[in-house]
C-alpha cells in the first residue's frame, strides 16, 4: 500500500502468502529498506526471523517487537526468542502512525541489541 512494491507484485505475494523480510540497516544502505529474504506463510516467518537475528549478531540483548494488528505473531516471535535465549527482555507494542505505514497491517518490526 505504501508504493514500495508494484501493485501486481503485492497482490501476487498476498495470494501466495509470501512474507517479505527486510532491514533498514543493511551495510552501506542505512536508512533504506532492503529486502533480506522471504518466507511463505506466517509459520515460516518466525524461523527465518530467528535466523536473521543470529546473522545480524544477536546474542541475547533486549528485543522490542512492534506489530501492526498482529499481536499473535508478535507473541509467537517472543516465545521463539525466549526459548532460544531464556531470560532476555522482550517488549511487545503496537505500531504508531509512521511505523504502521511502513509495516502495513499484519506486519512485525523487530529491533534488538547486538554486540558491536
PDB file of N, CA and C in Angstrom:
ATOM      1  N   UNK A   1       0.799  -1.204   0.000  1.00  0.00           N
ATOM      2  CA  UNK A   1       0.000   0.000   0.000  1.00  0.00           C
ATOM      3  C   UNK A   1       0.844   1.271   0.000  1.00  0.00           C
ATOM      4  N   UNK A   2       2.085   1.183   0.457  1.00  0.00           N
ATOM      5  CA  UNK A   2       2.864   2.414   0.586  1.00  0.00           C
ATOM      6  C   UNK A   2       3.705   2.722  -0.649  1.00  0.00           C
ATOM      7  N   UNK A   3       3.483   1.997  -1.754  1.00  0.00           N
ATOM      8  CA  UNK A   3       4.121   2.352  -3.011  1.00  0.00           C
ATOM      9  C   UNK A   3       5.513   1.805  -3.224  1.00  0.00           C
ATOM     10  N   UNK A   4       6.038   1.007  -2.330  1.00  0.00           N
ATOM     11  CA  UNK A   4       7.390   0.476  -2.498  1.00  0.00           C
ATOM     12  C   UNK A   4       7.434  -0.763  -3.379  1.00  0.00           C
ATOM     13  N   UNK A   5       6.285  -1.407  -3.555  1.00  0.00           N
ATOM     14  CA  UNK A   5       6.203  -2.618  -4.359  1.00  0.00           C
ATOM     15  C   UNK A   5       5.101  -2.410  -5.390  1.00  0.00           C
ATOM     16  N   UNK A   6       5.344  -2.811  -6.647  1.00  0.00           N
ATOM     17  CA  UNK A   6       4.285  -2.673  -7.653  1.00  0.00           C
ATOM     18  C   UNK A   6       3.012  -3.406  -7.209  1.00  0.00           C
ATOM     19  N   UNK A   7       1.867  -2.862  -7.562  1.00  0.00           N
ATOM     20  CA  UNK A   7       0.577  -3.389  -7.131  1.00  0.00           C
ATOM     21  C   UNK A   7       0.426  -4.865  -7.515  1.00  0.00           C
ATOM     22  N   UNK A   8       0.772  -5.232  -8.732  1.00  0.00           N
ATOM     23  CA  UNK A   8       0.623  -6.625  -9.182  1.00  0.00           C
ATOM     24  C   UNK A   8       1.488  -7.573  -8.350  1.00  0.00           C
ATOM     25  N   UNK A   9       2.705  -7.155  -8.049  1.00  0.00           N
ATOM     26  CA  UNK A   9       3.607  -7.976  -7.236  1.00  0.00           C
ATOM     27  C   UNK A   9       3.045  -8.131  -5.825  1.00  0.00           C
ATOM     28  N   UNK A  10       2.535  -7.056  -5.257  1.00  0.00           N
ATOM     29  CA  UNK A  10       1.963  -7.099  -3.914  1.00  0.00           C
ATOM     30  C   UNK A  10       0.747  -8.026  -3.864  1.00  0.00           C
ATOM     31  N   UNK A  11      -0.112  -7.960  -4.879  1.00  0.00           N
ATOM     32  CA  UNK A  11      -1.295  -8.831  -4.905  1.00  0.00           C
ATOM     33  C   UNK A  11      -0.887 -10.289  -5.046  1.00  0.00           C
ATOM     34  N   UNK A  12       0.085 -10.579  -5.900  1.00  0.00           N
ATOM     35  CA  UNK A  12       0.556 -11.949  -6.074  1.00  0.00           C
ATOM     36  C   UNK A  12       1.176 -12.471  -4.776  1.00  0.00           C
ATOM     37  N   UNK A  13       1.972 -11.651  -4.119  1.00  0.00           N
ATOM     38  CA  UNK A  13       2.575 -12.042  -2.840  1.00  0.00           C
ATOM     39  C   UNK A  13       1.494 -12.325  -1.807  1.00  0.00           C
ATOM     40  N   UNK A  14       0.433 -11.524  -1.798  1.00  0.00           N
ATOM     41  CA  UNK A  14      -0.661 -11.747  -0.863  1.00  0.00           C
ATOM     42  C   UNK A  14      -1.393 -13.049  -1.137  1.00  0.00           C
ATOM     43  N   UNK A  15      -1.657 -13.330  -2.405  1.00  0.00           N
ATOM     44  CA  UNK A  15      -2.350 -14.566  -2.779  1.00  0.00           C
ATOM     45  C   UNK A  15      -1.495 -15.784  -2.417  1.00  0.00           C
ATOM     46  N   UNK A  16      -0.191 -15.697  -2.629  1.00  0.00           N
ATOM     47  CA  UNK A  16       0.718 -16.817  -2.342  1.00  0.00           C
ATOM     48  C   UNK A  16       1.178 -16.850  -0.884  1.00  0.00           C
ATOM     49  N   UNK A  17       0.717 -15.885  -0.095  1.00  0.00           N
ATOM     50  CA  UNK A  17       1.072 -15.794   1.327  1.00  0.00           C
ATOM     51  C   UNK A  17       2.582 -15.653   1.529  1.00  0.00           C
ATOM     52  N   UNK A  18       3.204 -14.844   0.693  1.00  0.00           N
ATOM     53  CA  UNK A  18       4.642 -14.599   0.798  1.00  0.00           C
ATOM     54  C   UNK A  18       4.869 -13.407   1.703  1.00  0.00           C
ATOM     55  N   UNK A  19       5.742 -13.572   2.681  1.00  0.00           N
ATOM     56  CA  UNK A  19       6.068 -12.518   3.627  1.00  0.00           C
ATOM     57  C   UNK A  19       7.476 -12.014   3.335  1.00  0.00           C
ATOM     58  N   UNK A  20       7.617 -10.720   3.197  1.00  0.00           N
ATOM     59  CA  UNK A  20       8.912 -10.092   2.942  1.00  0.00           C
ATOM     60  C   UNK A  20       9.625  -9.827   4.258  1.00  0.00           C
ATOM     61  N   UNK A  21      10.899 -10.164   4.305  1.00  0.00           N
ATOM     62  CA  UNK A  21      11.732  -9.857   5.461  1.00  0.00           C
ATOM     63  C   UNK A  21      12.772  -8.857   4.975  1.00  0.00           C
ATOM     64  N   UNK A  22      12.813  -7.701   5.642  1.00  0.00           N
ATOM     65  CA  UNK A  22      13.664  -6.614   5.179  1.00  0.00           C
ATOM     66  C   UNK A  22      14.343  -5.940   6.361  1.00  0.00           C
ATOM     67  N   UNK A  23      15.346  -5.122   6.058  1.00  0.00           N
ATOM     68  CA  UNK A  23      16.052  -4.375   7.089  1.00  0.00           C
ATOM     69  C   UNK A  23      16.220  -2.923   6.661  1.00  0.00           C
ATOM     70  N   UNK A  24      16.335  -2.061   7.647  1.00  0.00           N
ATOM     71  CA  UNK A  24      16.646  -0.654   7.378  1.00  0.00           C
ATOM     72  C   UNK A  24      18.107  -0.377   7.723  1.00  0.00           C
ATOM     73  N   UNK A  25      18.872  -1.435   8.033  1.00  0.00           N
ATOM     74  CA  UNK A  25      20.262  -1.270   8.473  1.00  0.00           C
ATOM     75  C   UNK A  25      21.219  -2.151   7.686  1.00  0.00           C
ATOM     76  N   UNK A  26      21.023  -2.255   6.375  1.00  0.00           N
ATOM     77  CA  UNK A  26      21.950  -3.016   5.545  1.00  0.00           C
ATOM     78  C   UNK A  26      23.264  -2.246   5.448  1.00  0.00           C
ATOM     79  N   UNK A  27      24.400  -2.941   5.508  1.00  0.00           N
ATOM     80  CA  UNK A  27      25.693  -2.246   5.412  1.00  0.00           C
ATOM     81  C   UNK A  27      25.769  -1.382   4.159  1.00  0.00           C
ATOM     82  N   UNK A  28      26.088  -0.124   4.334  1.00  0.00           N
ATOM     83  CA  UNK A  28      26.200   0.820   3.234  1.00  0.00           C
ATOM     84  C   UNK A  28      24.863   1.367   2.747  1.00  0.00           C
ATOM     85  N   UNK A  29      23.762   0.884   3.302  1.00  0.00           N
ATOM     86  CA  UNK A  29      22.434   1.331   2.863  1.00  0.00           C
ATOM     87  C   UNK A  29      21.581   1.740   4.050  1.00  0.00           C
ATOM     88  N   UNK A  30      22.188   2.215   5.119  1.00  0.00           N
ATOM     89  CA  UNK A  30      21.447   2.599   6.317  1.00  0.00           C
ATOM     90  C   UNK A  30      20.348   3.590   5.965  1.00  0.00           C
ATOM     91  N   UNK A  31      19.169   3.353   6.515  1.00  0.00           N
ATOM     92  CA  UNK A  31      18.052   4.258   6.306  1.00  0.00           C
ATOM     93  C   UNK A  31      17.173   3.889   5.130  1.00  0.00           C
ATOM     94  N   UNK A  32      17.601   2.935   4.305  1.00  0.00           N
ATOM     95  CA  UNK A  32      16.741   2.476   3.223  1.00  0.00           C
ATOM     96  C   UNK A  32      16.268   1.061   3.560  1.00  0.00           C
ATOM     97  N   UNK A  33      15.089   0.716   3.108  1.00  0.00           N
ATOM     98  CA  UNK A  33      14.557  -0.613   3.380  1.00  0.00           C
ATOM     99  C   UNK A  33      15.094  -1.554   2.310  1.00  0.00           C
ATOM    100  N   UNK A  34      15.828  -2.577   2.771  1.00  0.00           N
ATOM    101  CA  UNK A  34      16.493  -3.519   1.885  1.00  0.00           C
ATOM    102  C   UNK A  34      15.965  -4.927   2.148  1.00  0.00           C
ATOM    103  N   UNK A  35      15.424  -5.606   1.133  1.00  0.00           N
ATOM    104  CA  UNK A  35      14.952  -6.977   1.336  1.00  0.00           C
ATOM    105  C   UNK A  35      16.092  -7.902   1.754  1.00  0.00           C
ATOM    106  N   UNK A  36      15.787  -8.816   2.683  1.00  0.00           N
ATOM    107  CA  UNK A  36      16.768  -9.802   3.160  1.00  0.00           C
ATOM    108  C   UNK A  36      16.318 -11.214   2.817  1.00  0.00           C
ATOM    109  N   UNK A  37      15.061 -11.400   2.532  1.00  0.00           N
ATOM    110  CA  UNK A  37      14.544 -12.722   2.229  1.00  0.00           C
ATOM    111  C   UNK A  37      13.038 -12.729   2.250  1.00  0.00           C
ATOM    112  N   UNK A  38      12.481 -13.899   2.025  1.00  0.00           N
ATOM    113  CA  UNK A  38      11.037 -14.080   2.063  1.00  0.00           C
ATOM    114  C   UNK A  38      10.728 -15.369   2.811  1.00  0.00           C
ATOM    115  N   UNK A  39       9.496 -15.480   3.238  1.00  0.00           N
ATOM    116  CA  UNK A  39       9.001 -16.701   3.858  1.00  0.00           C
ATOM    117  C   UNK A  39       7.582 -16.902   3.359  1.00  0.00           C
ATOM    118  N   UNK A  40       7.242 -18.125   3.079  1.00  0.00           N
ATOM    119  CA  UNK A  40       5.887 -18.413   2.582  1.00  0.00           C
ATOM    120  C   UNK A  40       5.019 -18.843   3.747  1.00  0.00           C
ATOM    121  N   UNK A  41       4.112 -17.967   4.170  1.00  0.00           N
ATOM    122  CA  UNK A  41       3.214 -18.241   5.278  1.00  0.00           C
ATOM    123  C   UNK A  41       3.804 -17.803   6.607  1.00  0.00           C
ATOM    124  N   UNK A  42       2.932 -17.497   7.557  1.00  0.00           N
ATOM    125  CA  UNK A  42       3.385 -16.982   8.851  1.00  0.00           C
ATOM    126  C   UNK A  42       4.172 -18.003   9.656  1.00  0.00           C
ATOM    127  N   UNK A  43       3.909 -19.293   9.471  1.00  0.00           N
ATOM    128  CA  UNK A  43       4.636 -20.307  10.226  1.00  0.00           C
ATOM    129  C   UNK A  43       6.125 -20.303   9.885  1.00  0.00           C
ATOM    130  N   UNK A  44       6.456 -19.934   8.669  1.00  0.00           N
ATOM    131  CA  UNK A  44       7.870 -19.916   8.254  1.00  0.00           C
ATOM    132  C   UNK A  44       8.560 -18.596   8.545  1.00  0.00           C
ATOM    133  N   UNK A  45       7.780 -17.587   8.931  1.00  0.00           N
ATOM    134  CA  UNK A  45       8.367 -16.274   9.229  1.00  0.00           C
ATOM    135  C   UNK A  45       9.228 -16.330  10.486  1.00  0.00           C
ATOM    136  N   UNK A  46       8.734 -16.974  11.542  1.00  0.00           N
ATOM    137  CA  UNK A  46       9.465 -16.995  12.815  1.00  0.00           C
ATOM    138  C   UNK A  46      10.847 -17.633  12.652  1.00  0.00           C
ATOM    139  N   UNK A  47      10.979 -18.841  12.069  1.00  0.00           N
ATOM    140  CA  UNK A  47      12.323 -19.411  11.895  1.00  0.00           C
ATOM    141  C   UNK A  47      13.237 -18.516  11.056  1.00  0.00           C
ATOM    142  N   UNK A  48      12.683 -17.887  10.027  1.00  0.00           N
ATOM    143  CA  UNK A  48      13.509 -17.005   9.184  1.00  0.00           C
ATOM    144  C   UNK A  48      13.955 -15.772   9.971  1.00  0.00           C
ATOM    145  N   UNK A  49      13.056 -15.195  10.764  1.00  0.00           N
ATOM    146  CA  UNK A  49      13.439 -14.046  11.588  1.00  0.00           C
ATOM    147  C   UNK A  49      14.494 -14.435  12.621  1.00  0.00           C
ATOM    148  N   UNK A  50      14.358 -15.602  13.226  1.00  0.00           N
ATOM    149  CA  UNK A  50      15.354 -16.067  14.201  1.00  0.00           C
ATOM    150  C   UNK A  50      16.722 -16.230  13.527  1.00  0.00           C
ATOM    151  N   UNK A  51      16.724 -16.764  12.316  1.00  0.00           N
ATOM    152  CA  UNK A  51      17.973 -16.912  11.560  1.00  0.00           C
ATOM    153  C   UNK A  51      18.598 -15.542  11.279  1.00  0.00           C
ATOM    154  N   UNK A  52      17.752 -14.587  10.904  1.00  0.00           N
ATOM    155  CA  UNK A  52      18.252 -13.242  10.615  1.00  0.00           C
ATOM    156  C   UNK A  52      18.808 -12.569  11.878  1.00  0.00           C
ATOM    157  N   UNK A  53      18.157 -12.793  13.025  1.00  0.00           N
ATOM    158  CA  UNK A  53      18.676 -12.242  14.290  1.00  0.00           C
ATOM    159  C   UNK A  53      20.098 -12.733  14.521  1.00  0.00           C
ATOM    160  N   UNK A  54      20.300 -14.029  14.389  1.00  0.00           N
ATOM    161  CA  UNK A  54      21.629 -14.601  14.608  1.00  0.00           C
ATOM    162  C   UNK A  54      22.625 -14.079  13.584  1.00  0.00           C
ATOM    163  N   UNK A  55      22.218 -14.002  12.326  1.00  0.00           N
ATOM    164  CA  UNK A  55      23.108 -13.496  11.274  1.00  0.00           C
ATOM    165  C   UNK A  55      23.513 -12.045  11.514  1.00  0.00           C
ATOM    166  N   UNK A  56      22.661 -11.289  12.195  1.00  0.00           N
ATOM    167  CA  UNK A  56      22.929  -9.873  12.449  1.00  0.00           C
ATOM    168  C   UNK A  56      23.646  -9.637  13.772  1.00  0.00           C
ATOM    169  N   UNK A  57      24.031 -10.713  14.488  1.00  0.00           N
ATOM    170  CA  UNK A  57      24.830 -10.552  15.699  1.00  0.00           C
ATOM    171  C   UNK A  57      24.074 -10.586  17.002  1.00  0.00           C
ATOM    172  N   UNK A  58      22.812 -10.987  16.971  1.00  0.00           N
ATOM    173  CA  UNK A  58      22.054 -11.050  18.221  1.00  0.00           C
ATOM    174  C   UNK A  58      22.556 -12.209  19.074  1.00  0.00           C
ATOM    175  N   UNK A  59      22.829 -11.896  20.360  1.00  0.00           N
ATOM    176  CA  UNK A  59      23.326 -12.917  21.275  1.00  0.00           C
ATOM    177  C   UNK A  59      22.578 -12.905  22.609  1.00  0.00           C
ATOM    178  N   UNK A  60      21.467 -12.176  22.674  1.00  0.00           N
ATOM    179  CA  UNK A  60      20.678 -12.197  23.900  1.00  0.00           C
ATOM    180  C   UNK A  60      20.425 -10.862  24.554  1.00  0.00           C
ATOM    181  N   UNK A  61      20.514  -9.760  23.832  1.00  0.00           N
ATOM    182  CA  UNK A  61      20.203  -8.448  24.394  1.00  0.00           C
ATOM    183  C   UNK A  61      18.704  -8.182  24.375  1.00  0.00           C
ATOM    184  N   UNK A  62      18.330  -6.950  24.680  1.00  0.00           N
ATOM    185  CA  UNK A  62      16.911  -6.563  24.680  1.00  0.00           C
ATOM    186  C   UNK A  62      16.335  -6.636  23.266  1.00  0.00           C
ATOM    187  N   UNK A  63      15.031  -6.963  23.208  1.00  0.00           N
ATOM    188  CA  UNK A  63      14.318  -7.022  21.932  1.00  0.00           C
ATOM    189  C   UNK A  63      13.019  -6.247  22.074  1.00  0.00           C
ATOM    190  N   UNK A  64      12.676  -5.497  21.054  1.00  0.00           N
ATOM    191  CA  UNK A  64      11.377  -4.818  21.009  1.00  0.00           C
ATOM    192  C   UNK A  64      10.670  -5.274  19.739  1.00  0.00           C
ATOM    193  N   UNK A  65       9.491  -5.854  19.928  1.00  0.00           N
ATOM    194  CA  UNK A  65       8.649  -6.292  18.821  1.00  0.00           C
ATOM    195  C   UNK A  65       7.494  -5.311  18.706  1.00  0.00           C
ATOM    196  N   UNK A  66       7.306  -4.755  17.536  1.00  0.00           N
ATOM    197  CA  UNK A  66       6.245  -3.791  17.298  1.00  0.00           C
ATOM    198  C   UNK A  66       5.394  -4.333  16.154  1.00  0.00           C
ATOM    199  N   UNK A  67       4.117  -4.545  16.416  1.00  0.00           N
ATOM    200  CA  UNK A  67       3.249  -5.177  15.421  1.00  0.00           C
ATOM    201  C   UNK A  67       2.161  -4.224  14.959  1.00  0.00           C
ATOM    202  N   UNK A  68       1.699  -4.471  13.745  1.00  0.00           N
ATOM    203  CA  UNK A  68       0.598  -3.705  13.171  1.00  0.00           C
ATOM    204  C   UNK A  68      -0.606  -4.633  13.063  1.00  0.00           C
ATOM    205  N   UNK A  69      -1.437  -4.640  14.093  1.00  0.00           N
ATOM    206  CA  UNK A  69      -2.623  -5.502  14.165  1.00  0.00           C
ATOM    207  C   UNK A  69      -2.288  -6.985  14.029  1.00  0.00           C
ATOM    208  N   UNK A  70      -1.198  -7.417  14.656  1.00  0.00           N
ATOM    209  CA  UNK A  70      -0.829  -8.829  14.604  1.00  0.00           C
ATOM    210  C   UNK A  70      -0.142  -9.235  15.909  1.00  0.00           C
ATOM    211  N   UNK A  71      -0.844  -9.079  17.012  1.00  0.00           N
ATOM    212  CA  UNK A  71      -0.258  -9.416  18.312  1.00  0.00           C
ATOM    213  C   UNK A  71       0.046 -10.903  18.429  1.00  0.00           C
ATOM    214  N   UNK A  72      -0.702 -11.761  17.719  1.00  0.00           N
ATOM    215  CA  UNK A  72      -0.447 -13.210  17.777  1.00  0.00           C
ATOM    216  C   UNK A  72       0.935 -13.536  17.216  1.00  0.00           C
ATOM    217  N   UNK A  73       1.312 -12.923  16.101  1.00  0.00           N
ATOM    218  CA  UNK A  73       2.642 -13.158  15.525  1.00  0.00           C
ATOM    219  C   UNK A  73       3.725 -12.629  16.465  1.00  0.00           C
ATOM    220  N   UNK A  74       3.494 -11.464  17.048  1.00  0.00           N
ATOM    221  CA  UNK A  74       4.464 -10.899  17.989  1.00  0.00           C
ATOM    222  C   UNK A  74       4.650 -11.824  19.192  1.00  0.00           C
ATOM    223  N   UNK A  75       3.572 -12.396  19.699  1.00  0.00           N
ATOM    224  CA  UNK A  75       3.673 -13.333  20.834  1.00  0.00           C
ATOM    225  C   UNK A  75       4.441 -14.588  20.448  1.00  0.00           C
ATOM    226  N   UNK A  76       4.196 -15.113  19.242  1.00  0.00           N
ATOM    227  CA  UNK A  76       4.931 -16.303  18.789  1.00  0.00           C
ATOM    228  C   UNK A  76       6.413 -16.003  18.622  1.00  0.00           C
ATOM    229  N   UNK A  77       6.734 -14.806  18.138  1.00  0.00           N
ATOM    230  CA  UNK A  77       8.137 -14.421  17.991  1.00  0.00           C
ATOM    231  C   UNK A  77       8.783 -14.307  19.367  1.00  0.00           C
ATOM    232  N   UNK A  78       8.071 -13.716  20.319  1.00  0.00           N
ATOM    233  CA  UNK A  78       8.587 -13.587  21.681  1.00  0.00           C
ATOM    234  C   UNK A  78       8.879 -14.962  22.263  1.00  0.00           C
ATOM    235  N   UNK A  79       7.954 -15.900  22.090  1.00  0.00           N
ATOM    236  CA  UNK A  79       8.157 -17.255  22.603  1.00  0.00           C
ATOM    237  C   UNK A  79       9.388 -17.908  21.982  1.00  0.00           C
ATOM    238  N   UNK A  80       9.588 -17.716  20.680  1.00  0.00           N
ATOM    239  CA  UNK A  80      10.757 -18.292  19.997  1.00  0.00           C
ATOM    240  C   UNK A  80      12.057 -17.697  20.534  1.00  0.00           C
ATOM    241  N   UNK A  81      12.053 -16.390  20.768  1.00  0.00           N
ATOM    242  CA  UNK A  81      13.249 -15.735  21.306  1.00  0.00           C
ATOM    243  C   UNK A  81      13.548 -16.250  22.708  1.00  0.00           C
ATOM    244  N   UNK A  82      12.513 -16.306  23.547  1.00  0.00           N
ATOM    245  CA  UNK A  82      12.714 -16.762  24.929  1.00  0.00           C
ATOM    246  C   UNK A  82      13.100 -18.235  25.010  1.00  0.00           C
ATOM    247  N   UNK A  83      12.664 -19.021  24.046  1.00  0.00           N
ATOM    248  CA  UNK A  83      13.048 -20.435  24.022  1.00  0.00           C
ATOM    249  C   UNK A  83      14.551 -20.567  23.762  1.00  0.00           C
ATOM    250  N   UNK A  84      15.063 -19.766  22.842  1.00  0.00           N
ATOM    251  CA  UNK A  84      16.491 -19.833  22.483  1.00  0.00           C
ATOM    252  C   UNK A  84      17.361 -19.023  23.445  1.00  0.00           C
ATOM    253  N   UNK A  85      16.828 -17.927  23.972  1.00  0.00           N
ATOM    254  CA  UNK A  85      17.572 -17.032  24.866  1.00  0.00           C
ATOM    255  C   UNK A  85      16.757 -16.791  26.132  1.00  0.00           C
ATOM    256  N   UNK A  86      16.679 -17.766  27.034  1.00  0.00           N
ATOM    257  CA  UNK A  86      15.839 -17.614  28.233  1.00  0.00           C
ATOM    258  C   UNK A  86      16.262 -16.398  29.067  1.00  0.00           C
ATOM    259  N   UNK A  87      15.263 -15.706  29.571  1.00  0.00           N
ATOM    260  CA  UNK A  87      15.522 -14.598  30.481  1.00  0.00           C
ATOM    261  C   UNK A  87      15.793 -13.252  29.846  1.00  0.00           C
ATOM    262  N   UNK A  88      15.846 -13.166  28.503  1.00  0.00           N
ATOM    263  CA  UNK A  88      16.070 -11.859  27.885  1.00  0.00           C
ATOM    264  C   UNK A  88      14.796 -11.030  27.964  1.00  0.00           C
ATOM    265  N   UNK A  89      14.959  -9.734  27.855  1.00  0.00           N
ATOM    266  CA  UNK A  89      13.809  -8.829  27.903  1.00  0.00           C
ATOM    267  C   UNK A  89      13.249  -8.647  26.492  1.00  0.00           C
ATOM    268  N   UNK A  90      11.975  -9.015  26.331  1.00  0.00           N
ATOM    269  CA  UNK A  90      11.291  -8.857  25.045  1.00  0.00           C
ATOM    270  C   UNK A  90      10.018  -8.056  25.294  1.00  0.00           C
ATOM    271  N   UNK A  91       9.950  -6.852  24.755  1.00  0.00           N
ATOM    272  CA  UNK A  91       8.775  -5.993  24.888  1.00  0.00           C
ATOM    273  C   UNK A  91       7.961  -6.051  23.601  1.00  0.00           C
ATOM    274  N   UNK A  92       6.647  -6.036  23.741  1.00  0.00           N
ATOM    275  CA  UNK A  92       5.740  -6.022  22.590  1.00  0.00           C
ATOM    276  C   UNK A  92       4.865  -4.781  22.679  1.00  0.00           C
ATOM    277  N   UNK A  93       4.798  -4.050  21.566  1.00  0.00           N
ATOM    278  CA  UNK A  93       3.972  -2.848  21.479  1.00  0.00           C
ATOM    279  C   UNK A  93       3.294  -2.784  20.124  1.00  0.00           C
ATOM    280  N   UNK A  94       2.145  -2.108  20.033  1.00  0.00           N
ATOM    281  CA  UNK A  94       1.544  -1.860  18.716  1.00  0.00           C
ATOM    282  C   UNK A  94       2.326  -0.749  18.007  1.00  0.00           C
ATOM    283  N   UNK A  95       2.286  -0.756  16.689  1.00  0.00           N
ATOM    284  CA  UNK A  95       2.969   0.288  15.933  1.00  0.00           C
ATOM    285  C   UNK A  95       2.264   1.625  16.099  1.00  0.00           C
ATOM    286  N   UNK A  96       3.038   2.683  15.955  1.00  0.00           N
ATOM    287  CA  UNK A  96       2.475   4.027  15.922  1.00  0.00           C
ATOM    288  C   UNK A  96       2.140   4.393  14.489  1.00  0.00           C
ATOM    289  N   UNK A  97       1.885   5.648  14.248  1.00  0.00           N
ATOM    290  CA  UNK A  97       1.398   6.077  12.940  1.00  0.00           C
ATOM    291  C   UNK A  97       2.377   5.794  11.799  1.00  0.00           C
ATOM    292  N   UNK A  98       3.583   6.323  11.859  1.00  0.00           N
ATOM    293  CA  UNK A  98       4.521   6.160  10.751  1.00  0.00           C
ATOM    294  C   UNK A  98       4.965   4.710  10.604  1.00  0.00           C
ATOM    295  N   UNK A  99       5.226   4.038  11.716  1.00  0.00           N
ATOM    296  CA  UNK A  99       5.633   2.632  11.640  1.00  0.00           C
ATOM    297  C   UNK A  99       4.515   1.764  11.084  1.00  0.00           C
ATOM    298  N   UNK A 100       3.265   2.105  11.372  1.00  0.00           N
ATOM    299  CA  UNK A 100       2.132   1.368  10.802  1.00  0.00           C
ATOM    300  C   UNK A 100       2.126   1.486   9.287  1.00  0.00           C
ATOM    301  N   UNK A 101       2.499   2.647   8.787  1.00  0.00           N
ATOM    302  CA  UNK A 101       2.561   2.882   7.344  1.00  0.00           C
ATOM    303  C   UNK A 101       3.581   1.955   6.701  1.00  0.00           C
ATOM    304  N   UNK A 102       4.769   1.832   7.308  1.00  0.00           N
ATOM    305  CA  UNK A 102       5.825   1.003   6.733  1.00  0.00           C
ATOM    306  C   UNK A 102       5.609  -0.479   6.991  1.00  0.00           C
ATOM    307  N   UNK A 103       5.125  -0.849   8.155  1.00  0.00           N
ATOM    308  CA  UNK A 103       4.925  -2.266   8.477  1.00  0.00           C
ATOM    309  C   UNK A 103       3.709  -2.822   7.751  1.00  0.00           C
ATOM    310  N   UNK A 104       2.709  -2.015   7.538  1.00  0.00           N
ATOM    311  CA  UNK A 104       1.425  -2.387   6.972  1.00  0.00           C
ATOM    312  C   UNK A 104       0.700  -3.388   7.871  1.00  0.00           C
ATOM    313  N   UNK A 105      -0.585  -3.525   7.673  1.00  0.00           N
ATOM    314  CA  UNK A 105      -1.411  -4.394   8.516  1.00  0.00           C
ATOM    315  C   UNK A 105      -0.875  -5.824   8.484  1.00  0.00           C
ATOM    316  N   UNK A 106      -0.668  -6.361   9.677  1.00  0.00           N
ATOM    317  CA  UNK A 106      -0.140  -7.718   9.812  1.00  0.00           C
ATOM    318  C   UNK A 106       1.362  -7.769   9.948  1.00  0.00           C
ATOM    319  N   UNK A 107       2.027  -6.629   9.776  1.00  0.00           N
ATOM    320  CA  UNK A 107       3.488  -6.586   9.815  1.00  0.00           C
ATOM    321  C   UNK A 107       4.053  -6.629  11.224  1.00  0.00           C
ATOM    322  N   UNK A 108       5.328  -6.968  11.299  1.00  0.00           N
ATOM    323  CA  UNK A 108       6.042  -7.048  12.577  1.00  0.00           C
ATOM    324  C   UNK A 108       7.409  -6.396  12.392  1.00  0.00           C
ATOM    325  N   UNK A 109       7.722  -5.443  13.257  1.00  0.00           N
ATOM    326  CA  UNK A 109       9.033  -4.810  13.269  1.00  0.00           C
ATOM    327  C   UNK A 109       9.815  -5.369  14.445  1.00  0.00           C
ATOM    328  N   UNK A 110      11.076  -5.724  14.225  1.00  0.00           N
ATOM    329  CA  UNK A 110      11.923  -6.323  15.253  1.00  0.00           C
ATOM    330  C   UNK A 110      13.148  -5.441  15.439  1.00  0.00           C
ATOM    331  N   UNK A 111      13.332  -4.944  16.651  1.00  0.00           N
ATOM    332  CA  UNK A 111      14.524  -4.159  16.981  1.00  0.00           C
ATOM    333  C   UNK A 111      15.227  -4.882  18.121  1.00  0.00           C
ATOM    334  N   UNK A 112      16.565  -4.912  18.076  1.00  0.00           N
ATOM    335  CA  UNK A 112      17.295  -5.666  19.095  1.00  0.00           C
ATOM    336  C   UNK A 112      18.686  -5.097  19.316  1.00  0.00           C
ATOM    337  N   UNK A 113      19.214  -5.378  20.511  1.00  0.00           N
ATOM    338  CA  UNK A 113      20.584  -5.014  20.836  1.00  0.00           C
ATOM    339  C   UNK A 113      21.494  -6.135  20.363  1.00  0.00           C
ATOM    340  N   UNK A 114      22.629  -5.753  19.807  1.00  0.00           N
ATOM    341  CA  UNK A 114      23.616  -6.757  19.421  1.00  0.00           C
ATOM    342  C   UNK A 114      24.997  -6.254  19.809  1.00  0.00           C
ATOM    343  N   UNK A 115      25.965  -7.172  19.813  1.00  0.00           N
ATOM    344  CA  UNK A 115      27.316  -6.784  20.155  1.00  0.00           C
ATOM    345  C   UNK A 115      27.893  -5.936  19.035  1.00  0.00           C
ATOM    346  N   UNK A 116      28.742  -4.991  19.406  1.00  0.00           N
ATOM    347  CA  UNK A 116      29.343  -4.113  18.400  1.00  0.00           C
ATOM    348  C   UNK A 116      30.644  -4.680  17.913  1.00  0.00           C
TER     349      UNK A 116
END
